[in-house]
Amino acid sequence: MKTTSFGFDADLINKYDKSGPRYTSYPTVVEFSINFTAEDYKKIAQATNAEDKLRPLSLYFHIPFCDTVCFYCGCNKIATKDRSKSPPYLARLYRELAMQSKLFDDSRVVDQLHWGGGTPTFLNDSEIKALMARTRQEFNLREDDKGEYSIEIDPREAGRRTIELLRSEGFNRISLGLQDFEPKVQQAVNRVQTETQTLAVLNAAREFGFHSISIDLIYGLPLQTVKSFTETLHRILSIRPDRLSVFNYAHLPKIFKPQRRINDSDLPSSEHKLEILQAAMRILQDAGYVYIGMDHFALPEDELAIAQSAGSLYRNFQGYSTHKECDLIGFGVSSISMVGNCYAQNAKDLIEYEAQIDVGKLAVFRGIELDSDDILRREVITEIICNFYLKFSVIANKYQIDFSSYFAFELTELADMHEDGLIELGADYLKVLPAGRLLVRNICMVFDKYLRSKTNASFSRVI
C-alpha cells in the first residue's frame, strides 16, 4: 500500500485545525494517575517474563542537560554549563539500570535503544562509554548491528571524534537538531548553529556508517519566512538525509517558561505558517521523499517507508519505529516506560527522581494500567496514524467484537470526514486519503474515548 502522496487543502486544514494529542501513547499522559505506583509497575513487568513468547526490549535514556536553552523547547531539560552535574546523574542511572534489569529475563534481547534529552552529547566521551558499558552489563544488547540504536545530537555539542565514538559503541541511527539556518531566526530562539557545524556532523555520520540520518526542522518560529525556511530545506536536501522531521512550533508559554522569551509579535501568522508548510511539503515530495505522517518524511528506501508500505509501521514515545513488539523501559528523570499493559512515568523533578533512586526505589510517580478497551483503541489509533488504513474485520476477529456495533458512535462521527474527503469509509475498512494525511490526528481523535470528557487539556494544534 503506497502512501507517498498527501493533499494540501487550506480550507480543510482551517476547518479541522484544533488542538489534540500526538498519540505517542494511548491513553495519553494526561490520563496517567499518581495512584499507579512503582509496585504496580514491577508486578506487571515481572509478569511479562511468563508470557509464551518473550518480547524483546527497547531502552530509552533521558539525558536532561543542555549547555544553553533553546527558547522554543518544550522538553524536560536542565540548562547548565556545569559539566560536573553529569557524574551524579549517571550514578543514579546505573542504580536504576540495576533495579530494572532484575525485573526482566536475561535472555530478552534489546532490539531498540534510544538516548534523548536534553542533549545526550552533554556527556563526555568517557561518560558515554561508561553508560554503554553499564547498559551491556545489565541488559542483553545486540552485537550484530541489527538493532535500532539511535541518539539525538546537537551539532554544537558533537564533533567528528564523538560521532566515531558513538558508532563504535553501537549507535547506528542519528537525529540532528537544526530547526532553521536563517541567522535572525536562530538568534530569536537562542540556537545559533552554523551550517558548517551541522554538515560536519552529518558527513561524519555518513563516513562512519550510520544506517539512518534524520534532520529536525521546525516551522512557525519567530521571524521565519517561506524564503528562509525553503532555503534551509534546499541546503539540507543537497546532502539528502534519510529522514526529515518538519515540526510545527507549538507556542505554549504558559506551560513552557523558555517560550516566554519569544516575542509573540515576531511569530508568523497562521496563514503564513501554512504557506511555509505547504512550500516545504511540495519541495520534499518533488525531491522524492515519502510522507510518513505526523511531520515525518523518509526516502522510499528507508526502513520507515518500507514498513509503512507493508502496513507494519509502529509508533511510540520515540516516534515512528519498525520494532512493534518491544517492551519499552524508560531510564532517567521524566522518562516513560511502556511495559506489558501499562505506562509508567518517572518523576519529572530531578531532586525527586534522585531521592527515590537513592533509597533503592524505582522513581515511578504516575502511570496507568490499560483495560481491554484501552488496548483495543490503542491498536485502532496506531494502525490509522502509522499505516493510514484500518481493516475492521481484523480488529473484530482479534478482539472478538462486532466492530460496527462497538464503534457505532465513532463511525457516525467519521461521516463528516468521509464527506470532506479526508477518509474513505467502506463496509470493512477506513482508508486515510491524501487530503486526510496531514489531519490524521483528527481522525484518531474520533476513537479517543477520553477526549469526550476533556474541556481544557493542553495539547498542541494539529497543524
Protein backbone atom coordinates (compact mmCIF):
# COMPACT_ATOMS: atom_id res chain seq x y z
CA MET A 1 0.00 0.00 0.00
CA LYS A 2 1.80 3.14 -1.22
CA THR A 3 1.47 6.29 0.88
CA THR A 4 3.81 8.69 -0.87
CA SER A 5 1.28 11.41 -1.60
CA PHE A 6 -0.61 13.89 0.50
CA GLY A 7 -3.18 16.56 -0.12
CA PHE A 8 -2.95 20.19 0.97
CA ASP A 9 -6.32 21.88 1.22
CA ALA A 10 -6.16 25.12 3.23
CA ASP A 11 -9.92 25.22 3.77
CA LEU A 12 -9.96 21.70 5.22
CA ILE A 13 -6.91 22.42 7.34
CA ASN A 14 -8.53 25.51 8.79
CA LYS A 15 -11.76 23.60 9.42
CA TYR A 16 -10.05 20.81 11.32
CA ASP A 17 -7.12 22.70 12.85
CA LYS A 18 -7.73 22.28 16.57
CA SER A 19 -5.68 21.04 19.49
CA GLY A 20 -5.15 17.33 20.00
CA PRO A 21 -2.75 14.59 21.14
CA ARG A 22 0.22 13.40 19.09
CA TYR A 23 -0.57 9.80 20.14
CA THR A 24 2.89 8.67 21.15
CA SER A 25 0.74 6.71 23.59
CA TYR A 26 -2.89 5.83 24.15
CA PRO A 27 -4.17 6.63 26.68
CA THR A 28 -2.13 9.85 26.61
CA VAL A 29 -0.07 11.09 29.55
CA VAL A 30 -2.88 13.34 30.79
CA GLU A 31 -4.66 10.14 31.85
CA PHE A 32 -1.74 8.89 33.96
CA SER A 33 -2.54 8.70 37.67
CA ILE A 34 -0.46 9.01 40.83
CA ASN A 35 -2.43 6.05 42.14
CA PHE A 36 -0.34 3.87 39.84
CA THR A 37 2.81 3.07 41.81
CA ALA A 38 6.25 1.59 41.33
CA GLU A 39 4.96 -1.62 42.88
CA ASP A 40 2.21 -1.83 40.27
CA TYR A 41 4.81 -1.38 37.55
CA LYS A 42 7.12 -4.05 39.00
CA LYS A 43 4.34 -6.65 39.14
CA ILE A 44 3.37 -6.03 35.53
CA ALA A 45 7.00 -6.02 34.35
CA GLN A 46 7.77 -9.33 36.05
CA ALA A 47 4.59 -10.86 34.62
CA THR A 48 5.84 -10.22 31.07
CA ASN A 49 8.55 -12.86 31.66
CA ALA A 50 5.86 -15.54 31.97
CA GLU A 51 4.39 -14.97 28.52
CA ASP A 52 4.62 -17.77 25.96
CA LYS A 53 6.73 -15.62 23.66
CA LEU A 54 9.11 -13.24 25.39
CA ARG A 55 9.07 -9.81 23.78
CA PRO A 56 12.36 -8.06 23.00
CA LEU A 57 13.19 -4.89 24.88
CA SER A 58 13.53 -1.23 23.99
CA LEU A 59 15.57 1.04 26.28
CA TYR A 60 15.21 4.81 26.48
CA PHE A 61 17.66 7.02 28.39
CA HIS A 62 16.79 10.62 29.16
CA ILE A 63 19.83 12.90 29.47
CA PRO A 64 18.27 16.18 30.62
CA PHE A 65 21.20 18.59 30.47
CA CYS A 66 21.69 21.31 27.85
CA ASP A 67 24.54 23.81 27.64
CA THR A 68 22.10 26.52 26.53
CA VAL A 69 18.32 26.66 26.43
CA CYS A 70 16.50 26.89 23.10
CA PHE A 71 13.55 29.21 23.65
CA TYR A 72 11.13 27.07 21.62
CA CYS A 73 11.85 23.87 23.54
CA GLY A 74 9.10 22.04 25.40
CA CYS A 75 11.24 19.10 26.53
CA ASN A 76 12.12 18.26 30.12
CA LYS A 77 15.62 19.72 30.33
CA ILE A 78 18.07 21.44 32.67
CA ALA A 79 20.06 24.31 31.15
CA THR A 80 23.53 24.41 32.66
CA LYS A 81 27.17 24.85 31.70
CA ASP A 82 28.25 22.90 34.78
CA ARG A 83 29.59 19.60 33.44
CA SER A 84 30.06 18.31 36.99
CA LYS A 85 26.32 17.57 37.04
CA SER A 86 26.77 14.55 34.76
CA PRO A 87 28.56 12.10 37.11
CA PRO A 88 25.92 12.22 39.92
CA TYR A 89 23.16 11.77 37.36
CA LEU A 90 24.93 8.83 35.75
CA ALA A 91 25.41 7.23 39.18
CA ARG A 92 21.62 7.25 39.59
CA LEU A 93 21.12 5.85 36.09
CA TYR A 94 23.45 2.95 36.98
CA ARG A 95 21.39 2.17 40.08
CA GLU A 96 18.18 2.38 38.09
CA LEU A 97 19.64 0.07 35.44
CA ALA A 98 20.42 -2.50 38.11
CA MET A 99 16.93 -2.29 39.63
CA GLN A 100 15.16 -2.51 36.27
CA SER A 101 17.32 -5.36 34.96
CA LYS A 102 16.21 -7.57 37.85
CA LEU A 103 12.62 -7.33 36.58
CA PHE A 104 13.31 -8.83 33.14
CA ASP A 105 14.53 -12.20 31.92
CA ASP A 106 18.22 -12.07 30.96
CA SER A 107 17.52 -13.68 27.60
CA ARG A 108 15.40 -10.80 26.34
CA VAL A 109 17.32 -9.03 23.60
CA VAL A 110 17.42 -5.24 23.32
CA ASP A 111 16.23 -4.57 19.77
CA GLN A 112 15.85 -0.83 20.26
CA LEU A 113 17.84 1.71 22.24
CA HIS A 114 17.49 5.49 22.25
CA TRP A 115 19.22 8.37 24.03
CA GLY A 116 17.21 11.59 24.14
CA GLY A 117 17.19 14.80 26.06
CA GLY A 118 18.12 17.45 26.73
CA THR A 119 21.38 16.90 24.93
CA PRO A 120 22.78 13.35 25.20
CA THR A 121 26.19 14.52 23.98
CA PHE A 122 26.38 16.81 27.02
CA LEU A 123 28.13 13.68 28.32
CA ASN A 124 31.85 13.47 27.56
CA ASP A 125 33.49 10.54 25.78
CA SER A 126 34.35 8.58 28.92
CA GLU A 127 30.82 9.04 30.29
CA ILE A 128 29.29 7.81 27.03
CA LYS A 129 31.50 4.72 27.16
CA ALA A 130 30.68 4.10 30.82
CA LEU A 131 26.91 4.33 30.35
CA MET A 132 27.00 1.95 27.39
CA ALA A 133 29.25 -0.46 29.30
CA ARG A 134 26.89 -0.49 32.27
CA THR A 135 23.92 -1.00 29.96
CA ARG A 136 25.63 -4.04 28.39
CA GLN A 137 26.36 -5.35 31.87
CA GLU A 138 22.70 -5.19 32.90
CA PHE A 139 20.91 -5.94 29.61
CA ASN A 140 21.37 -8.16 26.58
CA LEU A 141 22.41 -5.67 23.88
CA ARG A 142 22.79 -6.83 20.30
CA GLU A 143 26.30 -7.11 18.90
CA ASP A 144 25.30 -7.71 15.27
CA ASP A 145 24.36 -4.10 14.39
CA LYS A 146 20.81 -5.22 13.54
CA GLY A 147 19.11 -3.32 16.34
CA GLU A 148 17.71 0.19 16.11
CA TYR A 149 20.16 2.08 18.33
CA SER A 150 19.66 5.82 17.98
CA ILE A 151 20.76 9.07 19.58
CA GLU A 152 19.72 12.72 19.35
CA ILE A 153 22.58 15.06 18.50
CA ASP A 154 23.12 18.78 18.92
CA PRO A 155 25.81 19.51 16.29
CA ARG A 156 27.20 22.22 18.57
CA GLU A 157 27.98 19.51 21.13
CA ALA A 158 29.47 16.83 18.89
CA GLY A 159 32.47 16.71 16.59
CA ARG A 160 33.82 14.06 14.27
CA ARG A 161 35.52 12.18 17.12
CA THR A 162 32.27 11.99 19.09
CA ILE A 163 30.40 10.60 16.09
CA GLU A 164 33.11 7.97 15.59
CA LEU A 165 32.86 7.02 19.28
CA LEU A 166 29.08 6.70 19.15
CA ARG A 167 29.31 4.40 16.15
CA SER A 168 31.93 2.23 17.86
CA GLU A 169 29.64 1.97 20.91
CA GLY A 170 26.84 0.52 18.79
CA PHE A 171 24.72 3.50 17.77
CA ASN A 172 23.64 3.18 14.14
CA ARG A 173 20.97 5.87 13.77
CA ILE A 174 21.36 9.56 14.43
CA SER A 175 18.99 12.52 14.66
CA LEU A 176 20.34 16.05 14.26
CA GLY A 177 18.56 19.12 15.56
CA LEU A 178 18.70 22.05 13.15
CA GLN A 179 15.37 23.96 13.00
CA ASP A 180 16.44 26.76 10.60
CA PHE A 181 19.71 28.08 9.12
CA GLU A 182 18.49 31.71 8.98
CA PRO A 183 20.66 33.70 11.49
CA LYS A 184 17.82 36.00 12.56
CA VAL A 185 15.62 33.03 13.39
CA GLN A 186 18.44 31.30 15.25
CA GLN A 187 19.09 34.39 17.35
CA ALA A 188 15.39 34.82 18.11
CA VAL A 189 15.19 31.29 19.56
CA ASN A 190 18.70 31.28 21.12
CA ARG A 191 20.01 28.46 18.99
CA VAL A 192 22.89 29.78 16.91
CA GLN A 193 24.22 26.88 14.87
CA THR A 194 26.25 27.20 11.70
CA GLU A 195 25.81 25.23 8.53
CA THR A 196 29.44 24.12 8.86
CA GLN A 197 28.79 22.59 12.29
CA THR A 198 25.69 20.80 11.08
CA LEU A 199 27.15 19.38 7.89
CA ALA A 200 30.36 18.29 9.65
CA VAL A 201 28.33 16.04 11.96
CA LEU A 202 26.14 14.79 9.13
CA ASN A 203 29.14 13.95 6.95
CA ALA A 204 30.88 12.21 9.85
CA ALA A 205 27.78 10.07 10.39
CA ARG A 206 27.93 9.06 6.73
CA GLU A 207 31.66 8.38 6.96
CA PHE A 208 31.30 6.06 9.95
CA GLY A 209 28.39 4.11 8.51
CA PHE A 210 25.30 5.18 10.42
CA HIS A 211 22.34 3.36 8.89
CA SER A 212 19.98 6.33 9.04
CA ILE A 213 20.43 10.08 9.43
CA SER A 214 17.49 12.30 10.36
CA ILE A 215 17.24 16.10 10.42
CA ASP A 216 14.79 18.03 12.63
CA LEU A 217 13.31 21.28 11.34
CA ILE A 218 10.63 23.50 12.91
CA TYR A 219 8.23 25.76 11.04
CA GLY A 220 6.39 28.65 12.67
CA LEU A 221 9.40 30.07 14.55
CA PRO A 222 9.79 33.83 15.10
CA LEU A 223 10.97 35.87 12.08
CA GLN A 224 10.68 32.82 9.85
CA THR A 225 9.60 33.28 6.24
CA VAL A 226 8.79 30.97 3.38
CA LYS A 227 12.03 32.08 1.71
CA SER A 228 14.27 31.44 4.74
CA PHE A 229 12.74 28.07 5.53
CA THR A 230 12.80 26.76 1.96
CA GLU A 231 16.41 27.90 1.59
CA THR A 232 17.27 25.90 4.70
CA LEU A 233 15.44 22.92 3.24
CA HIS A 234 17.22 23.10 -0.10
CA ARG A 235 20.61 23.29 1.62
CA ILE A 236 19.81 20.20 3.68
CA LEU A 237 18.40 18.29 0.72
CA SER A 238 21.70 18.71 -1.10
CA ILE A 239 23.04 16.21 1.45
CA ARG A 240 19.92 14.03 1.08
CA PRO A 241 19.33 12.80 4.64
CA ASP A 242 17.41 9.55 5.05
CA ARG A 243 14.67 11.20 7.09
CA LEU A 244 13.39 14.66 7.93
CA SER A 245 11.02 15.83 10.64
CA VAL A 246 9.25 19.10 9.94
CA PHE A 247 7.60 20.03 13.21
CA ASN A 248 5.01 22.68 13.88
CA TYR A 249 6.17 25.10 16.58
CA ALA A 250 3.60 24.92 19.38
CA HIS A 251 3.69 28.24 21.24
CA LEU A 252 2.54 27.42 24.78
CA PRO A 253 4.33 29.96 27.00
CA LYS A 254 2.01 29.32 29.94
CA ILE A 255 3.34 25.76 30.09
CA PHE A 256 6.94 26.12 28.84
CA LYS A 257 8.77 29.01 30.52
CA PRO A 258 11.58 29.44 27.93
CA GLN A 259 8.93 30.28 25.32
CA ARG A 260 8.09 33.43 27.27
CA ARG A 261 11.32 34.90 25.89
CA ILE A 262 9.92 34.73 22.36
CA ASN A 263 8.16 37.87 21.17
CA ASP A 264 4.64 36.99 20.12
CA SER A 265 4.73 39.75 17.52
CA ASP A 266 7.64 38.01 15.78
CA LEU A 267 5.70 34.80 15.21
CA PRO A 268 4.31 34.17 11.71
CA SER A 269 0.55 34.28 11.35
CA SER A 270 -1.46 31.10 10.93
CA GLU A 271 -1.77 31.80 7.21
CA HIS A 272 1.97 32.36 6.92
CA LYS A 273 2.69 29.12 8.77
CA LEU A 274 0.50 27.24 6.32
CA GLU A 275 2.40 28.80 3.42
CA ILE A 276 5.70 27.64 4.92
CA LEU A 277 4.38 24.12 5.46
CA GLN A 278 2.86 23.86 2.01
CA ALA A 279 6.08 25.03 0.35
CA ALA A 280 8.17 22.61 2.42
CA MET A 281 5.92 19.64 1.67
CA ARG A 282 5.93 20.38 -2.04
CA ILE A 283 9.74 20.56 -2.07
CA LEU A 284 10.06 17.28 -0.17
CA GLN A 285 7.59 15.48 -2.40
CA ASP A 286 9.38 16.76 -5.53
CA ALA A 287 12.64 15.51 -4.01
CA GLY A 288 11.17 12.00 -3.77
CA TYR A 289 10.50 11.78 -0.04
CA VAL A 290 7.61 9.71 1.32
CA TYR A 291 5.26 11.44 3.74
CA ILE A 292 5.23 9.05 6.69
CA GLY A 293 2.79 11.19 8.66
CA MET A 294 2.89 13.33 11.80
CA ASP A 295 5.59 15.69 10.45
CA HIS A 296 7.88 12.87 9.26
CA PHE A 297 9.33 12.24 5.80
CA ALA A 298 11.67 9.49 4.60
CA LEU A 299 13.35 8.32 1.44
CA PRO A 300 11.50 5.42 -0.24
CA GLU A 301 14.32 3.01 0.60
CA ASP A 302 14.34 3.96 4.29
CA GLU A 303 13.03 1.28 6.66
CA LEU A 304 10.20 3.52 7.89
CA ALA A 305 8.85 3.96 4.36
CA ILE A 306 9.24 0.24 3.68
CA ALA A 307 7.43 -0.66 6.90
CA GLN A 308 4.58 1.74 6.16
CA SER A 309 4.21 0.36 2.65
CA ALA A 310 3.96 -3.11 4.19
CA GLY A 311 1.44 -1.94 6.80
CA SER A 312 3.76 -2.74 9.73
CA LEU A 313 4.87 0.69 10.93
CA TYR A 314 4.61 1.40 14.66
CA ARG A 315 4.72 4.47 16.91
CA ASN A 316 5.86 5.02 20.49
CA PHE A 317 7.42 7.73 22.65
CA GLN A 318 10.49 7.87 20.38
CA GLY A 319 8.32 8.44 17.30
CA TYR A 320 7.85 6.08 14.36
CA SER A 321 9.54 2.69 14.60
CA THR A 322 9.76 -0.70 12.94
CA HIS A 323 10.00 -2.54 16.29
CA LYS A 324 6.40 -3.12 17.27
CA GLU A 325 6.61 -5.92 19.80
CA CYS A 326 9.09 -4.45 22.30
CA ASP A 327 8.53 -3.69 25.96
CA LEU A 328 9.92 -0.17 26.42
CA ILE A 329 11.84 0.67 29.61
CA GLY A 330 12.49 4.33 30.38
CA PHE A 331 15.52 5.44 32.43
CA GLY A 332 16.17 8.83 33.95
CA VAL A 333 14.14 11.80 35.04
CA SER A 334 10.67 12.11 33.41
CA SER A 335 11.17 9.04 31.18
CA ILE A 336 8.17 6.83 30.39
CA SER A 337 8.07 3.04 30.24
CA MET A 338 5.56 1.05 28.20
CA VAL A 339 5.68 -2.47 29.59
CA GLY A 340 3.01 -5.14 29.32
CA ASN A 341 -0.35 -3.42 29.59
CA CYS A 342 0.88 -0.32 31.43
CA TYR A 343 2.62 3.02 31.12
CA ALA A 344 4.80 4.25 33.98
CA GLN A 345 6.48 7.64 34.20
CA ASN A 346 9.46 8.60 36.34
CA ALA A 347 9.46 11.73 38.49
CA LYS A 348 9.76 14.88 36.36
CA ASP A 349 11.74 16.76 39.01
CA LEU A 350 15.44 15.86 39.22
CA ILE A 351 15.64 16.14 43.00
CA GLU A 352 12.62 13.88 43.45
CA TYR A 353 14.00 11.38 40.92
CA GLU A 354 17.35 11.25 42.70
CA ALA A 355 15.76 10.89 46.13
CA GLN A 356 13.79 7.81 45.09
CA ILE A 357 16.77 6.15 43.43
CA ASP A 358 18.99 6.90 46.44
CA VAL A 359 16.73 4.91 48.76
CA GLY A 360 16.68 1.96 46.38
CA LYS A 361 13.27 2.60 44.82
CA LEU A 362 12.20 3.00 41.24
CA ALA A 363 11.26 6.63 40.59
CA VAL A 364 7.81 5.90 39.12
CA PHE A 365 5.43 8.66 40.21
CA ARG A 366 2.43 8.03 37.96
CA GLY A 367 1.12 5.73 35.27
CA ILE A 368 -1.84 3.73 34.09
CA GLU A 369 -2.79 0.09 33.67
CA LEU A 370 -4.71 -0.33 30.43
CA ASP A 371 -8.05 -2.09 30.38
CA SER A 372 -9.33 -4.09 27.43
CA ASP A 373 -10.98 -1.06 25.84
CA ASP A 374 -7.75 0.95 26.08
CA ILE A 375 -5.79 -1.84 24.39
CA LEU A 376 -8.35 -2.14 21.60
CA ARG A 377 -8.49 1.61 20.95
CA ARG A 378 -4.69 1.87 21.10
CA GLU A 379 -4.40 -0.61 18.26
CA VAL A 380 -7.05 1.18 16.20
CA ILE A 381 -5.31 4.55 16.65
CA THR A 382 -1.88 3.05 15.97
CA GLU A 383 -3.00 1.49 12.68
CA ILE A 384 -4.53 4.75 11.49
CA ILE A 385 -1.69 7.05 12.50
CA CYS A 386 1.05 4.72 11.25
CA ASN A 387 -0.35 2.97 8.20
CA PHE A 388 -3.27 5.20 7.15
CA TYR A 389 -5.50 2.14 6.93
CA LEU A 390 -7.73 0.13 9.24
CA LYS A 391 -9.35 -3.23 8.40
CA PHE A 392 -12.41 -3.61 10.62
CA SER A 393 -12.64 -7.41 10.36
CA VAL A 394 -9.03 -7.82 11.51
CA ILE A 395 -9.75 -5.83 14.67
CA ALA A 396 -13.08 -7.59 15.16
CA ASN A 397 -11.53 -11.05 14.93
CA LYS A 398 -8.59 -10.22 17.17
CA TYR A 399 -10.67 -8.68 19.94
CA GLN A 400 -13.85 -10.72 19.46
CA ILE A 401 -16.15 -7.75 18.91
CA ASP A 402 -18.69 -6.61 16.36
CA PHE A 403 -16.81 -3.58 15.03
CA SER A 404 -19.83 -1.70 13.70
CA SER A 405 -21.69 -2.05 17.00
CA TYR A 406 -18.70 -1.39 19.26
CA PHE A 407 -17.71 1.73 17.34
CA ALA A 408 -21.17 2.86 16.26
CA PHE A 409 -20.65 6.33 17.75
CA GLU A 410 -17.25 6.71 16.10
CA LEU A 411 -18.48 5.62 12.67
CA THR A 412 -21.22 8.23 12.86
CA GLU A 413 -18.67 10.88 13.85
CA LEU A 414 -16.49 9.93 10.86
CA ALA A 415 -19.26 10.69 8.38
CA ASP A 416 -18.25 14.36 8.01
CA MET A 417 -14.64 13.39 7.37
CA HIS A 418 -15.82 10.98 4.72
CA GLU A 419 -17.90 13.70 3.08
CA ASP A 420 -14.95 16.13 3.23
CA GLY A 421 -12.65 13.64 1.51
CA LEU A 422 -10.32 13.06 4.44
CA ILE A 423 -11.11 9.35 4.55
CA GLU A 424 -12.71 6.62 2.51
CA LEU A 425 -15.12 4.72 4.73
CA GLY A 426 -16.04 1.30 3.38
CA ALA A 427 -18.10 -1.52 4.83
CA ASP A 428 -14.98 -3.17 6.25
CA TYR A 429 -12.26 -0.56 6.17
CA LEU A 430 -11.15 3.00 6.82
CA LYS A 431 -8.56 4.46 4.47
CA VAL A 432 -6.95 7.83 5.05
CA LEU A 433 -6.97 9.71 1.76
CA PRO A 434 -4.25 12.17 0.69
CA ALA A 435 -6.26 15.13 1.98
CA GLY A 436 -6.54 13.46 5.38
CA ARG A 437 -2.92 12.56 5.94
CA LEU A 438 -2.00 15.99 7.30
CA LEU A 439 -5.03 15.74 9.58
CA VAL A 440 -4.55 12.16 10.73
CA ARG A 441 -4.53 13.27 14.37
CA ASN A 442 -8.10 14.48 13.93
CA ILE A 443 -9.14 11.08 12.59
CA CYS A 444 -7.50 9.31 15.53
CA MET A 445 -9.18 11.67 17.99
CA VAL A 446 -12.56 10.29 16.98
CA PHE A 447 -11.55 6.95 18.59
CA ASP A 448 -10.16 8.60 21.75
CA LYS A 449 -12.75 7.90 24.43
CA TYR A 450 -11.04 10.14 26.97
CA LEU A 451 -11.25 13.25 24.80
CA ARG A 452 -15.04 13.27 25.06
CA SER A 453 -14.84 14.47 28.65
CA LYS A 454 -11.93 16.89 28.13
CA THR A 455 -12.60 20.61 28.04
CA ASN A 456 -9.23 22.19 28.82
CA ALA A 457 -6.45 19.64 28.17
CA SER A 458 -3.32 21.39 26.84
CA PHE A 459 -2.41 19.78 23.53
CA SER A 460 -0.64 21.33 20.57
CA ARG A 461 -2.59 22.29 17.46
CA VAL A 462 -2.66 19.63 14.76
CA ILE A 463 -1.18 21.99 12.12
